[in-house]
Amino acid sequence: MSHGFEIASPKGPPVPDHPFVARLAKGLEWINKTIVRISMFAMLLTAFILTYSVVTRYLFKIPTDWQDEASVFMLIGVTFFSAAYVQSYRGHIGIEVLSSILPPAINRFRLLLVDIISAAFCLFFSWKSWTLFHEAWVDGQTTSSTFAPPLWIPYAMMAAGVTLLSLQIVVQVLAAITAKRRAA
């Protein structure tokens, strides 16, 4: 349980007991870490782009019409792509008061139930995101600005990120179902 800044770095996600699920989790861990590194670069690039925009607009009186959408597109990618990494550490907002008062067996069931419901929601969201991406691709949808970048770009990042999040949750469900119970 986390209540703020920790001095020690967090342990990696737990390794599942089942060999196939463990390989799946290890592959996802590699993908998630790679995406987080790319996301860190994208955040820095976004900060640079916005700073560039402010400097060129106020010091040199040169307007830019692309920086807001480029920054928003990158932030969408960062947000959705890094969600699976955060989920692998169970870092999303959760109500922890129950975990401290429930018996371990009931708490494991509670976590499994929450993961199953979360997986169902994320799989539905993923499906709808892919249909949104497809519509934007087929119809050639763009934003309404003068820059007018294609909308399939943020929709693809959203769909791929939520799909990765869904896969991460499904792996966690499989890990919970196949876990060997250890004596406490």
C-alpha atoms as a PDB file:
ATOM      1  CA  MET A   1       0.000   0.000   0.000  1.00  0.00           C
ATOM      2  CA  SER A   2       1.339   3.426  -0.925  1.00  0.00           C
ATOM      3  CA  HIS A   3       0.674   6.634   0.963  1.00  0.00           C
ATOM      4  CA  GLY A   4       3.071   8.972  -0.787  1.00  0.00           C
ATOM      5  CA  PHE A   5       6.647   9.046  -1.899  1.00  0.00           C
ATOM      6  CA  GLU A   6       8.667   5.951  -1.136  1.00  0.00           C
ATOM      7  CA  ILE A   7      12.387   6.034  -0.543  1.00  0.00           C
ATOM      8  CA  ALA A   8      13.066   2.597  -2.027  1.00  0.00           C
ATOM      9  CA  SER A   9      12.091   1.818  -5.590  1.00  0.00           C
ATOM     10  CA  PRO A  10       9.045  -0.395  -5.946  1.00  0.00           C
ATOM     11  CA  LYS A  11       9.408  -4.115  -6.510  1.00  0.00           C
ATOM     12  CA  GLY A  12       8.448  -5.341  -9.943  1.00  0.00           C
ATOM     13  CA  PRO A  13       5.100  -6.953 -10.600  1.00  0.00           C
ATOM     14  CA  PRO A  14       4.749 -10.384  -8.961  1.00  0.00           C
ATOM     15  CA  VAL A  15       5.667 -13.365 -11.146  1.00  0.00           C
ATOM     16  CA  PRO A  16       2.686 -15.695 -11.693  1.00  0.00           C
ATOM     17  CA  ASP A  17       2.979 -19.342 -10.631  1.00  0.00           C
ATOM     18  CA  HIS A  18       1.777 -20.861 -13.909  1.00  0.00           C
ATOM     19  CA  PRO A  19       4.630 -21.057 -16.495  1.00  0.00           C
ATOM     20  CA  PHE A  20       2.545 -19.882 -19.478  1.00  0.00           C
ATOM     21  CA  VAL A  21       1.042 -16.980 -17.545  1.00  0.00           C
ATOM     22  CA  ALA A  22       4.520 -16.122 -16.216  1.00  0.00           C
ATOM     23  CA  ARG A  23       5.903 -15.936 -19.783  1.00  0.00           C
ATOM     24  CA  LEU A  24       2.957 -13.792 -20.823  1.00  0.00           C
ATOM     25  CA  ALA A  25       3.494 -11.507 -17.817  1.00  0.00           C
ATOM     26  CA  LYS A  26       7.241 -11.261 -18.547  1.00  0.00           C
ATOM     27  CA  GLY A  27       6.549 -10.290 -22.167  1.00  0.00           C
ATOM     28  CA  LEU A  28       4.028  -7.681 -21.057  1.00  0.00           C
ATOM     29  CA  GLU A  29       6.489  -6.344 -18.509  1.00  0.00           C
ATOM     30  CA  TRP A  30       9.076  -5.824 -21.272  1.00  0.00           C
ATOM     31  CA  ILE A  31       6.490  -4.116 -23.521  1.00  0.00           C
ATOM     32  CA  ASN A  32       5.278  -1.919 -20.641  1.00  0.00           C
ATOM     33  CA  LYS A  33       8.792  -0.840 -19.634  1.00  0.00           C
ATOM     34  CA  THR A  34       9.650  -0.014 -23.252  1.00  0.00           C
ATOM     35  CA  ILE A  35       6.466   2.006 -23.656  1.00  0.00           C
ATOM     36  CA  VAL A  36       7.086   3.870 -20.382  1.00  0.00           C
ATOM     37  CA  ARG A  37      10.543   4.896 -21.621  1.00  0.00           C
ATOM     38  CA  ILE A  38       9.031   6.136 -24.882  1.00  0.00           C
ATOM     39  CA  SER A  39       6.306   7.910 -22.884  1.00  0.00           C
ATOM     40  CA  MET A  40       8.919   9.713 -20.788  1.00  0.00           C
ATOM     41  CA  PHE A  41      10.544  10.969 -23.971  1.00  0.00           C
ATOM     42  CA  ALA A  42       7.126  12.034 -25.322  1.00  0.00           C
ATOM     43  CA  MET A  43       6.443  14.012 -22.133  1.00  0.00           C
ATOM     44  CA  LEU A  44       9.760  15.832 -22.495  1.00  0.00           C
ATOM     45  CA  LEU A  45       9.052  16.477 -26.172  1.00  0.00           C
ATOM     46  CA  THR A  46       5.607  17.828 -25.282  1.00  0.00           C
ATOM     47  CA  ALA A  47       7.147  20.209 -22.747  1.00  0.00           C
ATOM     48  CA  PHE A  48       9.685  21.338 -25.344  1.00  0.00           C
ATOM     49  CA  ILE A  49       6.983  21.903 -27.992  1.00  0.00           C
ATOM     50  CA  LEU A  50       4.821  23.965 -25.643  1.00  0.00           C
ATOM     51  CA  THR A  51       7.826  25.990 -24.465  1.00  0.00           C
ATOM     52  CA  TYR A  52       8.860  26.566 -28.084  1.00  0.00           C
ATOM     53  CA  SER A  53       5.347  27.763 -28.872  1.00  0.00           C
ATOM     54  CA  VAL A  54       5.325  30.260 -26.013  1.00  0.00           C
ATOM     55  CA  VAL A  55       8.792  31.600 -26.861  1.00  0.00           C
ATOM     56  CA  THR A  56       8.127  31.984 -30.579  1.00  0.00           C
ATOM     57  CA  ARG A  57       4.726  33.563 -30.012  1.00  0.00           C
ATOM     58  CA  TYR A  58       5.739  36.118 -27.381  1.00  0.00           C
ATOM     59  CA  LEU A  59       9.343  36.912 -28.253  1.00  0.00           C
ATOM     60  CA  PHE A  60       9.308  36.632 -32.040  1.00  0.00           C
ATOM     61  CA  LYS A  61       5.582  37.195 -32.741  1.00  0.00           C
ATOM     62  CA  ILE A  62       5.479  33.989 -34.807  1.00  0.00           C
ATOM     63  CA  PRO A  63       2.203  32.113 -34.354  1.00  0.00           C
ATOM     64  CA  THR A  64       2.125  28.336 -34.321  1.00  0.00           C
ATOM     65  CA  ASP A  65      -1.036  26.418 -35.121  1.00  0.00           C
ATOM     66  CA  TRP A  66       0.181  22.872 -34.624  1.00  0.00           C
ATOM     67  CA  GLN A  67       1.650  22.754 -31.119  1.00  0.00           C
ATOM     68  CA  ASP A  68      -1.588  22.293 -29.145  1.00  0.00           C
ATOM     69  CA  GLU A  69      -2.801  19.323 -31.151  1.00  0.00           C
ATOM     70  CA  ALA A  70       0.649  17.731 -31.342  1.00  0.00           C
ATOM     71  CA  SER A  71       0.954  18.061 -27.558  1.00  0.00           C
ATOM     72  CA  VAL A  72      -2.545  16.747 -26.906  1.00  0.00           C
ATOM     73  CA  PHE A  73      -1.948  13.792 -29.240  1.00  0.00           C
ATOM     74  CA  MET A  74       1.274  12.927 -27.382  1.00  0.00           C
ATOM     75  CA  LEU A  75      -0.420  13.278 -23.994  1.00  0.00           C
ATOM     76  CA  ILE A  76      -3.205  10.953 -25.142  1.00  0.00           C
ATOM     77  CA  GLY A  77      -0.592   8.412 -26.164  1.00  0.00           C
ATOM     78  CA  VAL A  78       1.321   8.751 -22.903  1.00  0.00           C
ATOM     79  CA  THR A  79      -1.837   8.426 -20.817  1.00  0.00           C
ATOM     80  CA  PHE A  80      -3.273   5.376 -22.525  1.00  0.00           C
ATOM     81  CA  PHE A  81      -0.011   3.558 -23.257  1.00  0.00           C
ATOM     82  CA  SER A  82       1.315   3.870 -19.704  1.00  0.00           C
ATOM     83  CA  ALA A  83      -1.938   2.638 -18.102  1.00  0.00           C
ATOM     84  CA  ALA A  84      -0.904  -1.026 -18.428  1.00  0.00           C
ATOM     85  CA  TYR A  85       2.433  -0.333 -16.721  1.00  0.00           C
ATOM     86  CA  VAL A  86       0.662   1.363 -13.820  1.00  0.00           C
ATOM     87  CA  GLN A  87      -1.808  -1.527 -13.609  1.00  0.00           C
ATOM     88  CA  SER A  88       1.033  -4.062 -13.469  1.00  0.00           C
ATOM     89  CA  TYR A  89       2.042  -2.466 -10.159  1.00  0.00           C
ATOM     90  CA  ARG A  90      -1.612  -2.073  -9.124  1.00  0.00           C
ATOM     91  CA  GLY A  91      -0.919   1.638  -9.032  1.00  0.00           C
ATOM     92  CA  HIS A  92      -4.353   2.888 -10.048  1.00  0.00           C
ATOM     93  CA  ILE A  93      -6.563   4.518  -7.462  1.00  0.00           C
ATOM     94  CA  GLY A  94      -8.190   1.963  -5.204  1.00  0.00           C
ATOM     95  CA  ILE A  95      -9.926   1.761  -1.855  1.00  0.00           C
ATOM     96  CA  GLU A  96      -7.393   0.142   0.445  1.00  0.00           C
ATOM     97  CA  VAL A  97      -9.377   0.239   3.682  1.00  0.00           C
ATOM     98  CA  LEU A  98     -11.026  -3.092   2.850  1.00  0.00           C
ATOM     99  CA  SER A  99      -7.730  -4.907   2.324  1.00  0.00           C
ATOM    100  CA  SER A 100      -6.672  -4.193   5.892  1.00  0.00           C
ATOM    101  CA  ILE A 101      -9.866  -5.516   7.515  1.00  0.00           C
ATOM    102  CA  LEU A 102     -10.818  -8.450   5.281  1.00  0.00           C
ATOM    103  CA  PRO A 103      -9.379 -11.945   5.764  1.00  0.00           C
ATOM    104  CA  PRO A 104      -6.750 -12.805   3.083  1.00  0.00           C
ATOM    105  CA  ALA A 105      -8.978 -15.317   1.239  1.00  0.00           C
ATOM    106  CA  ILE A 106     -11.865 -12.853   0.952  1.00  0.00           C
ATOM    107  CA  ASN A 107      -9.475 -10.075  -0.049  1.00  0.00           C
ATOM    108  CA  ARG A 108      -8.038 -12.269  -2.852  1.00  0.00           C
ATOM    109  CA  PHE A 109     -11.595 -12.914  -4.047  1.00  0.00           C
ATOM    110  CA  ARG A 110     -12.359  -9.168  -3.878  1.00  0.00           C
ATOM    111  CA  LEU A 111      -9.278  -8.370  -5.981  1.00  0.00           C
ATOM    112  CA  LEU A 112     -10.182 -11.084  -8.485  1.00  0.00           C
ATOM    113  CA  LEU A 113     -13.750  -9.787  -8.766  1.00  0.00           C
ATOM    114  CA  VAL A 114     -12.536  -6.206  -9.270  1.00  0.00           C
ATOM    115  CA  ASP A 115     -10.064  -7.411 -11.907  1.00  0.00           C
ATOM    116  CA  ILE A 116     -12.766  -9.347 -13.766  1.00  0.00           C
ATOM    117  CA  ILE A 117     -15.105  -6.328 -13.781  1.00  0.00           C
ATOM    118  CA  SER A 118     -12.210  -4.046 -14.807  1.00  0.00           C
ATOM    119  CA  ALA A 119     -11.235  -6.434 -17.615  1.00  0.00           C
ATOM    120  CA  ALA A 120     -14.816  -6.518 -18.905  1.00  0.00           C
ATOM    121  CA  PHE A 121     -15.000  -2.711 -18.903  1.00  0.00           C
ATOM    122  CA  CYS A 122     -11.582  -2.284 -20.536  1.00  0.00           C
ATOM    123  CA  LEU A 123     -12.294  -4.936 -23.181  1.00  0.00           C
ATOM    124  CA  PHE A 124     -15.534  -3.132 -24.075  1.00  0.00           C
ATOM    125  CA  PHE A 125     -13.719   0.218 -24.112  1.00  0.00           C
ATOM    126  CA  SER A 126     -10.998  -1.331 -26.282  1.00  0.00           C
ATOM    127  CA  TRP A 127     -13.526  -2.668 -28.781  1.00  0.00           C
ATOM    128  CA  LYS A 128     -15.299   0.698 -29.010  1.00  0.00           C
ATOM    129  CA  SER A 129     -11.957   2.494 -29.361  1.00  0.00           C
ATOM    130  CA  TRP A 130     -10.973   0.269 -32.288  1.00  0.00           C
ATOM    131  CA  THR A 131     -14.321   0.986 -33.978  1.00  0.00           C
ATOM    132  CA  LEU A 132     -13.734   4.715 -33.435  1.00  0.00           C
ATOM    133  CA  PHE A 133     -10.256   4.367 -34.967  1.00  0.00           C
ATOM    134  CA  HIS A 134     -11.695   2.467 -37.942  1.00  0.00           C
ATOM    135  CA  GLU A 135     -14.347   5.127 -38.586  1.00  0.00           C
ATOM    136  CA  ALA A 136     -11.753   7.904 -38.438  1.00  0.00           C
ATOM    137  CA  TRP A 137      -9.448   5.985 -40.792  1.00  0.00           C
ATOM    138  CA  VAL A 138     -12.144   5.083 -43.337  1.00  0.00           C
ATOM    139  CA  ASP A 139     -13.873   8.473 -43.289  1.00  0.00           C
ATOM    140  CA  GLY A 140     -10.611  10.441 -43.283  1.00  0.00           C
ATOM    141  CA  GLN A 141     -11.686  12.440 -40.226  1.00  0.00           C
ATOM    142  CA  THR A 142      -9.468  15.332 -39.155  1.00  0.00           C
ATOM    143  CA  THR A 143      -9.581  17.915 -36.419  1.00  0.00           C
ATOM    144  CA  SER A 144     -11.334  21.208 -37.186  1.00  0.00           C
ATOM    145  CA  SER A 145      -8.209  23.344 -36.857  1.00  0.00           C
ATOM    146  CA  THR A 146      -6.140  24.829 -39.693  1.00  0.00           C
ATOM    147  CA  PHE A 147      -3.446  22.234 -38.944  1.00  0.00           C
ATOM    148  CA  ALA A 148      -6.088  19.463 -39.324  1.00  0.00           C
ATOM    149  CA  PRO A 149      -4.161  16.325 -38.352  1.00  0.00           C
ATOM    150  CA  PRO A 150      -5.999  13.029 -38.867  1.00  0.00           C
ATOM    151  CA  LEU A 151      -8.049  11.828 -35.911  1.00  0.00           C
ATOM    152  CA  TRP A 152      -7.039   8.208 -36.419  1.00  0.00           C
ATOM    153  CA  ILE A 153      -3.716   9.022 -34.728  1.00  0.00           C
ATOM    154  CA  PRO A 154      -5.072   9.697 -31.205  1.00  0.00           C
ATOM    155  CA  TYR A 155      -7.798   7.065 -31.664  1.00  0.00           C
ATOM    156  CA  ALA A 156      -5.181   4.441 -32.562  1.00  0.00           C
ATOM    157  CA  MET A 157      -3.103   5.337 -29.506  1.00  0.00           C
ATOM    158  CA  MET A 158      -6.188   5.203 -27.301  1.00  0.00           C
ATOM    159  CA  ALA A 159      -7.283   1.847 -28.738  1.00  0.00           C
ATOM    160  CA  ALA A 160      -3.828   0.277 -28.528  1.00  0.00           C
ATOM    161  CA  GLY A 161      -3.285   1.572 -24.985  1.00  0.00           C
ATOM    162  CA  VAL A 162      -6.619   0.296 -23.695  1.00  0.00           C
ATOM    163  CA  THR A 163      -6.011  -3.040 -25.443  1.00  0.00           C
ATOM    164  CA  LEU A 164      -2.673  -3.314 -23.655  1.00  0.00           C
ATOM    165  CA  LEU A 165      -4.368  -2.408 -20.365  1.00  0.00           C
ATOM    166  CA  SER A 166      -7.024  -5.061 -21.007  1.00  0.00           C
ATOM    167  CA  LEU A 167      -4.343  -7.656 -21.681  1.00  0.00           C
ATOM    168  CA  GLN A 168      -2.538  -6.676 -18.474  1.00  0.00           C
ATOM    169  CA  ILE A 169      -5.709  -7.102 -16.417  1.00  0.00           C
ATOM    170  CA  VAL A 170      -6.511 -10.435 -18.091  1.00  0.00           C
ATOM    171  CA  VAL A 171      -2.993 -11.660 -17.234  1.00  0.00           C
ATOM    172  CA  GLN A 172      -3.568 -10.589 -13.628  1.00  0.00           C
ATOM    173  CA  VAL A 173      -6.868 -12.495 -13.581  1.00  0.00           C
ATOM    174  CA  LEU A 174      -5.155 -15.599 -14.994  1.00  0.00           C
ATOM    175  CA  ALA A 175      -2.348 -15.224 -12.444  1.00  0.00           C
ATOM    176  CA  ALA A 176      -4.882 -15.041  -9.595  1.00  0.00           C
ATOM    177  CA  ILE A 177      -6.828 -18.049 -10.866  1.00  0.00           C
ATOM    178  CA  THR A 178      -3.711 -20.208 -11.364  1.00  0.00           C
ATOM    179  CA  ALA A 179      -1.912 -19.052  -8.188  1.00  0.00           C
ATOM    180  CA  LYS A 180      -0.777 -21.684  -5.737  1.00  0.00           C
ATOM    181  CA  ARG A 181      -1.966 -20.827  -2.254  1.00  0.00           C
ATOM    182  CA  ARG A 182       0.823 -20.512   0.260  1.00  0.00           C
ATOM    183  CA  ALA A 183       0.522 -20.816   4.014  1.00  0.00           C
ATOM    184  CA  ALA A 184       0.433 -17.394   5.646  1.00  0.00           C
END
